[in-house]
Amino acid sequence: MRKIIDIDESLIPKLKLLAAIESSNVKKIMEDAISWYVEHKQKEQMNSMSLEQKEDFGLLLLLQQAQNIKTVNEDELFNS
């Protein structure tokens, strides 16, 4: 996805210097920085959750992974 963003003019030389040091390009440096920031914020949010919230979130993730292709009728569910 291509997005146009405004970047402070004072950051552009710094980004170019980082790209040269890393033998990369400015786009890759910015993508890495944004990815790091998003991961950092996710970890920060997880660390601030209570145990009950973490359990609920884990259950939500498990439910999203579950395959819901086959439906089970009530008799199979309660008589198994």
Protein backbone atom coordinates (compact mmCIF):
# COMPACT_ATOMS: atom_id res chain seq x y z
CA MET A 1 0.00 0.00 0.00
CA ARG A 2 1.41 3.38 -0.94
CA LYS A 3 0.74 6.31 1.37
CA ILE A 4 2.04 9.85 1.14
CA ILE A 5 3.09 11.30 4.49
CA ASP A 6 4.66 14.57 5.56
CA ILE A 7 8.05 14.20 7.20
CA ASP A 8 9.80 16.97 9.08
CA GLU A 9 12.56 18.35 6.85
CA SER A 10 15.11 18.00 9.65
CA LEU A 11 14.55 14.22 9.77
CA ILE A 12 15.31 13.54 6.12
CA PRO A 13 19.12 13.94 6.38
CA LYS A 14 19.09 11.79 9.52
CA LEU A 15 17.10 9.10 7.75
CA LYS A 16 19.50 9.20 4.81
CA LEU A 17 22.49 8.90 7.14
CA LEU A 18 20.92 5.93 8.94
CA ALA A 19 20.15 4.30 5.60
CA ALA A 20 23.76 4.74 4.47
CA ILE A 21 25.13 3.34 7.75
CA GLU A 22 22.77 0.36 7.60
CA SER A 23 23.42 -0.21 3.87
CA SER A 24 19.69 0.12 3.33
CA ASN A 25 17.28 2.69 2.00
CA VAL A 26 15.13 5.33 3.67
CA LYS A 27 11.91 3.43 2.99
CA LYS A 28 13.22 0.30 4.72
CA ILE A 29 14.52 2.32 7.70
CA MET A 30 11.10 3.95 8.12
CA GLU A 31 9.27 0.61 7.78
CA ASP A 32 11.54 -0.95 10.41
CA ALA A 33 11.03 1.99 12.77
CA ILE A 34 7.26 1.84 12.41
CA SER A 35 7.22 -1.94 12.90
CA TRP A 36 9.33 -1.59 16.05
CA TYR A 37 7.04 1.15 17.38
CA VAL A 38 3.88 -0.90 16.78
CA GLU A 39 5.39 -3.98 18.47
CA HIS A 40 6.56 -1.83 21.39
CA LYS A 41 3.08 -0.37 21.88
CA GLN A 42 1.48 -3.83 21.68
CA LYS A 43 3.85 -5.16 24.36
CA GLU A 44 3.20 -2.09 26.48
CA GLN A 45 -0.55 -2.63 26.19
CA MET A 46 -0.24 -6.34 27.04
CA ASN A 47 1.88 -5.55 30.09
CA SER A 48 -0.76 -3.13 31.36
CA MET A 49 -3.56 -5.72 31.10
CA SER A 50 -4.82 -7.57 34.12
CA LEU A 51 -4.55 -11.36 34.27
CA GLU A 52 -8.26 -11.69 33.50
CA GLN A 53 -7.94 -9.42 30.44
CA LYS A 54 -4.95 -11.46 29.20
CA GLU A 55 -6.95 -14.69 29.60
CA ASP A 56 -9.89 -13.18 27.70
CA PHE A 57 -7.56 -12.00 24.94
CA GLY A 58 -5.95 -15.45 24.71
CA LEU A 59 -9.38 -17.06 24.43
CA LEU A 60 -10.33 -14.60 21.70
CA LEU A 61 -7.18 -15.50 19.74
CA LEU A 62 -7.92 -19.22 20.11
CA LEU A 63 -11.50 -18.74 18.95
CA GLN A 64 -10.29 -16.82 15.90
CA GLN A 65 -7.97 -19.71 15.00
CA ALA A 66 -10.65 -22.34 15.37
CA GLN A 67 -12.02 -23.78 12.18
CA ASN A 68 -15.70 -23.03 11.85
CA ILE A 69 -16.28 -24.90 8.61
CA LYS A 70 -18.33 -27.71 10.11
CA THR A 71 -21.31 -26.94 12.29
CA VAL A 72 -22.25 -29.14 15.20
CA ASN A 73 -25.85 -29.71 16.19
CA GLU A 74 -27.02 -29.43 19.80
CA ASP A 75 -27.22 -33.21 20.37
CA GLU A 76 -23.60 -33.75 19.30
CA LEU A 77 -22.46 -30.85 21.47
CA PHE A 78 -24.13 -31.88 24.70
CA ASN A 79 -24.14 -35.69 24.34
CA SER A 80 -20.45 -36.15 23.53
